[in-house]
């Protein structure tokens, strides 16, 4: 399988990120973007506008799963983690071993047996790559992760991403489809590390937004990001990943972008919480999903299983799910007994 200017690729999901990726892909080839919403399909095809983004002339919207799977061997699923399993199930009858899927979803799928477990093991969660492999006949899977804020991609600002896969072919196909003068694409074989780095940093983006909302200053932000990275690496290693991915584009790169930009959904949720808004109101007011909210719950359950102390992740969970005040959480974090630096397990 190879790509050229006459190739056709698919995108599943017409949210902000899916739309931005479709426009980026359209610079190199014909793109079909799938949406369940007929009004979104009509808006894209007739008005050439969606979510306030101008739509590239090479993009065509469709609502037919079988059609997009027949037309495209390379497909980029870009839907929220909460809908990801359902989406794969719906597409599975039309997907086969000849397809290549490269997803851009930064979330975890909980498959714990209990309704409300007290803790979960690694075997009770799935990455999005694992969801694809478990629920379809697709064999060649990759993920893309990095500092890829949808709004900046839509504004055609320079950026970079990592395509991670066990297969060199998947990495090369992703590079050929995506890269341009404004979008750099790197490759990695550490699929789990790249996925977990992108997933766990969303918790830190929530925390960083809270920090910004309280105007605590840059010294505190630097401390937060450094200690937050420490927690990400340690939990990732317990889950079976290497530390190296956390220090690349998908780790530190994504952490810097999402923890310092009002264009980050998770950062925005944290900021608005710190300004006194209720979580339910914020979520109803947003057009897209802040993946860190669910990830904070999953991370807490994993930390309990591994008997780990992850004070920042624990604080974010307590603020989101137990109604703890942000001020109290900050006071407790500043008094936490951990006082050794550089505990990254490298």
Protein backbone atom coordinates (compact mmCIF):
# COMPACT_ATOMS: atom_id res chain seq x y z
CA UNK A 1 0.00 0.00 0.00
CA UNK A 2 1.32 3.42 -0.97
CA UNK A 3 -0.01 6.94 -1.16
CA UNK A 4 0.14 9.49 -3.93
CA UNK A 5 -1.69 12.66 -4.84
CA UNK A 6 -4.57 10.62 -6.24
CA UNK A 7 -4.99 8.53 -3.08
CA UNK A 8 -8.05 8.82 -0.87
CA UNK A 9 -7.92 8.71 2.93
CA UNK A 10 -10.68 8.75 5.52
CA UNK A 11 -11.28 10.58 8.79
CA UNK A 12 -13.85 9.38 11.32
CA UNK A 13 -15.22 12.19 13.46
CA UNK A 14 -16.01 15.78 12.51
CA UNK A 15 -15.21 17.42 15.83
CA UNK A 16 -12.68 20.23 16.07
CA UNK A 17 -9.67 17.90 15.93
CA UNK A 18 -11.09 15.63 13.23
CA UNK A 19 -11.94 18.62 11.07
CA UNK A 20 -8.46 20.11 11.54
CA UNK A 21 -6.80 16.79 10.65
CA UNK A 22 -9.04 16.40 7.57
CA UNK A 23 -7.94 19.83 6.34
CA UNK A 24 -4.30 18.93 6.98
CA UNK A 25 -4.61 15.62 5.14
CA UNK A 26 -6.39 17.38 2.25
CA UNK A 27 -3.20 19.25 1.39
CA UNK A 28 -1.79 15.93 0.13
CA UNK A 29 -4.76 13.90 -1.13
CA UNK A 30 -8.53 13.50 -1.38
CA UNK A 31 -10.21 13.15 2.04
CA UNK A 32 -13.57 11.72 3.11
CA UNK A 33 -14.66 12.75 6.60
CA UNK A 34 -17.38 10.74 8.34
CA UNK A 35 -20.00 12.27 10.64
CA UNK A 36 -23.18 10.69 12.02
CA UNK A 37 -24.80 14.12 11.94
CA UNK A 38 -26.46 14.80 8.60
CA UNK A 39 -26.49 18.53 9.31
CA UNK A 40 -22.69 18.47 9.73
CA UNK A 41 -22.29 16.61 6.43
CA UNK A 42 -24.50 19.15 4.69
CA UNK A 43 -22.68 22.10 6.24
CA UNK A 44 -19.27 20.79 5.17
CA UNK A 45 -20.29 19.90 1.63
CA UNK A 46 -22.51 22.89 0.87
CA UNK A 47 -21.22 25.77 2.98
CA UNK A 48 -17.57 24.61 3.05
CA UNK A 49 -17.52 25.64 6.70
CA UNK A 50 -17.67 23.64 9.94
CA UNK A 51 -17.03 24.64 13.56
CA UNK A 52 -15.95 28.01 12.20
CA UNK A 53 -13.23 26.32 10.12
CA UNK A 54 -13.03 26.81 6.36
CA UNK A 55 -13.05 23.39 4.68
CA UNK A 56 -10.38 22.46 2.13
CA UNK A 57 -11.66 21.78 -1.37
CA UNK A 58 -10.30 18.21 -1.21
CA UNK A 59 -12.55 17.31 1.76
CA UNK A 60 -15.93 15.61 1.25
CA UNK A 61 -18.19 14.72 4.17
CA UNK A 62 -20.15 11.44 4.24
CA UNK A 63 -22.46 9.64 6.66
CA UNK A 64 -22.08 6.16 5.12
CA UNK A 65 -19.69 3.85 7.00
CA UNK A 66 -19.53 1.22 4.27
CA UNK A 67 -18.73 3.85 1.63
CA UNK A 68 -15.77 5.35 3.48
CA UNK A 69 -14.32 1.90 4.25
CA UNK A 70 -14.63 0.87 0.60
CA UNK A 71 -13.06 4.09 -0.71
CA UNK A 72 -10.23 4.37 1.84
CA UNK A 73 -7.66 1.84 3.01
CA UNK A 74 -6.02 4.40 5.32
CA UNK A 75 -8.40 5.83 7.92
CA UNK A 76 -7.84 8.24 10.82
CA UNK A 77 -10.38 7.78 13.69
CA UNK A 78 -10.64 11.06 15.65
CA UNK A 79 -13.49 10.63 18.12
CA UNK A 80 -13.74 11.04 21.89
CA UNK A 81 -12.65 8.08 24.02
CA UNK A 82 -16.11 7.72 25.54
CA UNK A 83 -17.51 6.98 22.05
CA UNK A 84 -14.52 5.11 20.65
CA UNK A 85 -15.54 1.50 21.36
CA UNK A 86 -19.05 2.11 20.04
CA UNK A 87 -17.60 3.70 16.90
CA UNK A 88 -15.26 0.77 16.22
CA UNK A 89 -18.13 -1.67 16.73
CA UNK A 90 -20.21 0.23 14.16
CA UNK A 91 -17.38 0.26 11.61
CA UNK A 92 -16.09 -3.27 12.28
CA UNK A 93 -18.35 -5.02 9.69
CA UNK A 94 -16.73 -2.92 6.95
CA UNK A 95 -13.12 -3.09 8.16
CA UNK A 96 -10.68 -5.80 7.16
CA UNK A 97 -7.00 -6.77 7.40
CA UNK A 98 -6.21 -4.58 4.38
CA UNK A 99 -7.17 -1.41 6.28
CA UNK A 100 -4.70 0.75 8.21
CA UNK A 101 -6.10 2.80 11.11
CA UNK A 102 -4.16 5.63 12.76
CA UNK A 103 -6.16 7.12 15.63
CA UNK A 104 -5.69 10.43 17.42
CA UNK A 105 -7.79 9.77 20.55
CA UNK A 106 -6.08 10.41 23.89
CA UNK A 107 -8.08 8.32 26.32
CA UNK A 108 -8.45 4.95 28.03
CA UNK A 109 -11.27 2.43 27.83
CA UNK A 110 -12.32 0.92 31.16
CA UNK A 111 -13.31 -2.75 30.93
CA UNK A 112 -13.40 -3.52 34.66
CA UNK A 113 -15.89 -6.20 35.62
CA UNK A 114 -17.40 -4.31 38.56
CA UNK A 115 -19.79 -1.39 38.14
CA UNK A 116 -17.80 0.87 40.47
CA UNK A 117 -14.42 -0.77 41.17
CA UNK A 118 -12.17 0.41 43.99
CA UNK A 119 -9.07 -0.26 41.90
CA UNK A 120 -8.21 -1.63 38.47
CA UNK A 121 -5.28 -3.52 36.97
CA UNK A 122 -3.61 -2.96 33.61
CA UNK A 123 -5.64 -5.86 32.21
CA UNK A 124 -8.87 -4.02 32.99
CA UNK A 125 -8.23 -1.06 30.71
CA UNK A 126 -7.51 -0.71 27.02
CA UNK A 127 -5.70 1.93 25.03
CA UNK A 128 -7.48 3.01 21.86
CA UNK A 129 -5.03 0.92 19.81
CA UNK A 130 -6.04 -2.11 21.85
CA UNK A 131 -9.73 -1.31 21.33
CA UNK A 132 -9.23 -1.36 17.54
CA UNK A 133 -7.34 -4.66 17.65
CA UNK A 134 -9.85 -6.30 19.99
CA UNK A 135 -13.03 -5.18 18.23
CA UNK A 136 -12.17 -5.33 14.52
CA UNK A 137 -10.21 -7.37 11.97
CA UNK A 138 -7.73 -4.55 11.43
CA UNK A 139 -4.14 -5.69 12.01
CA UNK A 140 -2.08 -2.59 11.19
CA UNK A 141 -2.81 0.12 13.74
CA UNK A 142 -1.05 3.30 14.78
CA UNK A 143 -1.66 6.31 16.95
CA UNK A 144 -0.73 9.96 16.52
CA UNK A 145 0.09 12.12 19.50
CA UNK A 146 1.83 15.39 20.18
CA UNK A 147 1.25 19.12 20.68
CA UNK A 148 -1.60 19.30 18.17
CA UNK A 149 -4.05 21.95 19.37
CA UNK A 150 -6.90 21.87 16.87
CA UNK A 151 -7.32 25.65 16.77
CA UNK A 152 -3.67 26.21 15.85
CA UNK A 153 -3.72 23.47 13.21
CA UNK A 154 -6.80 25.15 11.72
CA UNK A 155 -4.91 28.45 11.66
CA UNK A 156 -2.11 26.70 9.69
CA UNK A 157 0.50 27.33 12.37
CA UNK A 158 3.55 25.01 12.40
CA UNK A 159 3.34 21.87 14.54
CA UNK A 160 4.62 18.32 14.89
CA UNK A 161 3.25 14.93 15.84
CA UNK A 162 4.42 11.37 16.44
CA UNK A 163 3.01 8.36 14.60
CA UNK A 164 3.58 5.27 16.76
CA UNK A 165 3.07 1.74 15.47
CA UNK A 166 4.61 -1.72 15.57
CA UNK A 167 4.73 -1.55 11.78
CA UNK A 168 7.15 0.63 9.81
CA UNK A 169 4.61 0.65 6.97
CA UNK A 170 2.00 2.34 9.17
CA UNK A 171 4.48 5.00 10.26
CA UNK A 172 5.53 5.71 6.67
CA UNK A 173 1.92 5.87 5.47
CA UNK A 174 1.09 8.31 8.26
CA UNK A 175 4.07 10.46 7.39
CA UNK A 176 3.22 10.52 3.69
CA UNK A 177 -0.41 11.44 4.36
CA UNK A 178 0.17 14.15 6.96
CA UNK A 179 3.49 15.89 6.61
CA UNK A 180 3.83 19.23 4.92
CA UNK A 181 5.93 22.37 5.17
CA UNK A 182 4.02 23.31 8.32
CA UNK A 183 3.50 19.87 9.90
CA UNK A 184 6.44 17.68 10.92
CA UNK A 185 5.79 13.96 11.53
CA UNK A 186 8.09 11.75 13.62
CA UNK A 187 7.92 7.97 14.04
CA UNK A 188 8.10 5.63 17.03
CA UNK A 189 7.65 1.93 17.77
CA UNK A 190 6.77 2.59 21.43
CA UNK A 191 3.00 2.53 20.94
CA UNK A 192 2.09 2.18 24.62
CA UNK A 193 4.49 4.90 25.77
CA UNK A 194 3.30 7.38 23.15
CA UNK A 195 -0.36 6.69 23.92
CA UNK A 196 0.04 6.91 27.70
CA UNK A 197 2.07 10.13 27.47
CA UNK A 198 -0.74 11.76 25.49
CA UNK A 199 -3.42 10.39 27.81
CA UNK A 200 -1.89 11.20 31.19
CA UNK A 201 -0.80 14.72 30.31
CA UNK A 202 -4.49 15.72 30.12
CA UNK A 203 -4.70 15.41 33.91
CA UNK A 204 -1.79 17.82 34.22
CA UNK A 205 -3.47 20.21 31.79
CA UNK A 206 -6.51 20.33 34.08
CA UNK A 207 -4.23 21.09 37.01
CA UNK A 208 -2.31 23.73 35.05
CA UNK A 209 -5.56 25.45 34.10
CA UNK A 210 -6.49 25.63 37.77
CA UNK A 211 -3.06 27.13 38.50
CA UNK A 212 -3.58 29.75 35.81
CA UNK A 213 -7.07 30.57 37.04
CA UNK A 214 -5.69 31.29 40.50
CA UNK A 215 -2.78 33.32 39.04
CA UNK A 216 -0.14 31.45 41.04
CA UNK A 217 2.79 32.46 38.85
CA UNK A 218 5.40 30.82 36.65
CA UNK A 219 7.50 29.36 39.47
CA UNK A 220 4.51 27.32 40.58
CA UNK A 221 3.73 26.29 36.99
CA UNK A 222 7.30 25.02 36.49
CA UNK A 223 7.07 23.02 39.71
CA UNK A 224 3.68 21.62 38.70
CA UNK A 225 4.82 20.50 35.24
CA UNK A 226 8.03 18.93 36.52
CA UNK A 227 6.36 16.99 39.33
CA UNK A 228 3.45 16.18 37.04
CA UNK A 229 5.82 14.67 34.47
CA UNK A 230 7.35 12.61 37.29
CA UNK A 231 3.92 11.15 38.07
CA UNK A 232 3.18 10.46 34.42
CA UNK A 233 6.46 8.58 33.92
CA UNK A 234 6.11 6.50 37.07
CA UNK A 235 2.52 5.46 36.34
CA UNK A 236 3.39 4.76 32.70
CA UNK A 237 6.24 2.49 33.76
CA UNK A 238 3.97 0.57 36.12
CA UNK A 239 1.63 0.04 33.17
CA UNK A 240 4.44 -1.41 31.06
CA UNK A 241 5.75 1.51 28.99
CA UNK A 242 9.27 2.87 28.69
CA UNK A 243 10.10 6.30 30.05
CA UNK A 244 11.62 7.60 26.80
CA UNK A 245 8.31 8.47 25.09
CA UNK A 246 7.45 10.84 27.93
CA UNK A 247 10.49 12.97 27.11
CA UNK A 248 9.68 13.45 23.42
CA UNK A 249 7.07 15.21 21.29
CA UNK A 250 4.20 13.10 22.65
CA UNK A 251 5.28 13.67 26.25
CA UNK A 252 7.01 16.92 27.15
CA UNK A 253 6.00 18.48 23.83
CA UNK A 254 2.31 17.86 24.36
CA UNK A 255 2.60 18.67 28.08
CA UNK A 256 4.02 22.14 27.38
CA UNK A 257 1.36 22.96 24.79
CA UNK A 258 -1.72 21.76 26.65
CA UNK A 259 -0.59 23.03 30.04
CA UNK A 260 -0.01 26.59 28.87
CA UNK A 261 -2.66 27.35 26.27
CA UNK A 262 -6.23 28.57 26.58
CA UNK A 263 -6.84 26.67 23.33
CA UNK A 264 -6.46 23.40 25.25
CA UNK A 265 -9.82 21.95 26.32
CA UNK A 266 -8.45 20.42 29.53
CA UNK A 267 -6.59 23.60 30.46
CA UNK A 268 -9.79 25.58 29.87
CA UNK A 269 -11.84 23.31 32.13
CA UNK A 270 -9.30 23.72 34.94
CA UNK A 271 -9.15 27.48 34.46
CA UNK A 272 -12.91 27.86 34.58
CA UNK A 273 -13.15 25.68 37.68
CA UNK A 274 -10.62 27.93 39.40
CA UNK A 275 -12.76 30.93 38.47
CA UNK A 276 -15.69 29.40 40.36
CA UNK A 277 -17.73 27.80 37.58
CA UNK A 278 -19.39 24.43 38.18
CA UNK A 279 -18.06 21.42 36.26
CA UNK A 280 -21.47 20.45 34.87
CA UNK A 281 -21.99 23.95 33.51
CA UNK A 282 -18.55 24.00 31.89
CA UNK A 283 -19.08 20.64 30.18
CA UNK A 284 -22.51 21.63 28.86
CA UNK A 285 -21.01 24.84 27.49
CA UNK A 286 -18.15 23.14 25.63
CA UNK A 287 -18.40 21.75 22.09
CA UNK A 288 -15.69 19.11 22.58
CA UNK A 289 -14.64 16.53 25.17
CA UNK A 290 -12.00 17.21 27.82
CA UNK A 291 -10.47 13.73 28.03
CA UNK A 292 -8.61 14.43 31.27
CA UNK A 293 -11.81 14.32 33.32
CA UNK A 294 -12.36 10.60 32.76
CA UNK A 295 -8.62 9.88 32.74
CA UNK A 296 -8.30 11.34 36.25
CA UNK A 297 -10.74 8.69 37.49
CA UNK A 298 -8.93 5.85 35.69
CA UNK A 299 -5.52 7.03 36.94
CA UNK A 300 -6.77 7.03 40.55
CA UNK A 301 -8.01 3.45 40.23
CA UNK A 302 -4.69 2.37 38.71
CA UNK A 303 -2.69 4.14 41.44
CA UNK A 304 -4.69 2.27 44.07
CA UNK A 305 -3.94 -1.02 42.35
CA UNK A 306 -0.21 -0.28 42.20
CA UNK A 307 -0.19 1.29 45.70
CA UNK A 308 1.38 4.45 44.30
CA UNK A 309 1.34 7.98 45.63
CA UNK A 310 0.50 10.38 42.81
CA UNK A 311 -0.40 13.57 44.70
CA UNK A 312 -1.18 15.83 41.73
CA UNK A 313 -3.37 13.25 40.01
CA UNK A 314 -5.07 12.49 43.32
CA UNK A 315 -5.73 16.21 43.92
CA UNK A 316 -7.29 16.63 40.47
CA UNK A 317 -9.54 13.62 41.09
CA UNK A 318 -10.69 14.98 44.46
CA UNK A 319 -11.49 18.37 42.96
CA UNK A 320 -13.45 16.87 40.07
CA UNK A 321 -15.28 14.06 41.84
CA UNK A 322 -15.31 14.81 45.57
CA UNK A 323 -15.93 18.54 45.59
CA UNK A 324 -12.65 19.40 47.28
CA UNK A 325 -11.65 23.04 47.00
CA UNK A 326 -8.75 23.94 44.75
CA UNK A 327 -7.23 26.14 47.48
CA UNK A 328 -7.22 23.28 49.98
CA UNK A 329 -5.70 20.90 47.43
CA UNK A 330 -2.89 23.35 46.70
CA UNK A 331 -2.11 23.77 50.41
CA UNK A 332 -1.90 20.01 50.82
CA UNK A 333 0.32 19.61 47.75
CA UNK A 334 2.74 22.23 49.08
CA UNK A 335 2.99 20.29 52.36
CA UNK A 336 3.36 16.86 50.76
CA UNK A 337 6.36 14.97 52.23
CA UNK A 338 7.91 14.02 48.85
CA UNK A 339 11.12 16.05 48.73
CA UNK A 340 13.48 14.18 46.40
CA UNK A 341 14.01 15.47 42.87
CA UNK A 342 14.71 13.53 39.68
CA UNK A 343 12.75 10.35 40.54
CA UNK A 344 12.01 9.49 36.92
CA UNK A 345 13.23 5.90 36.95
CA UNK A 346 15.54 6.44 33.97
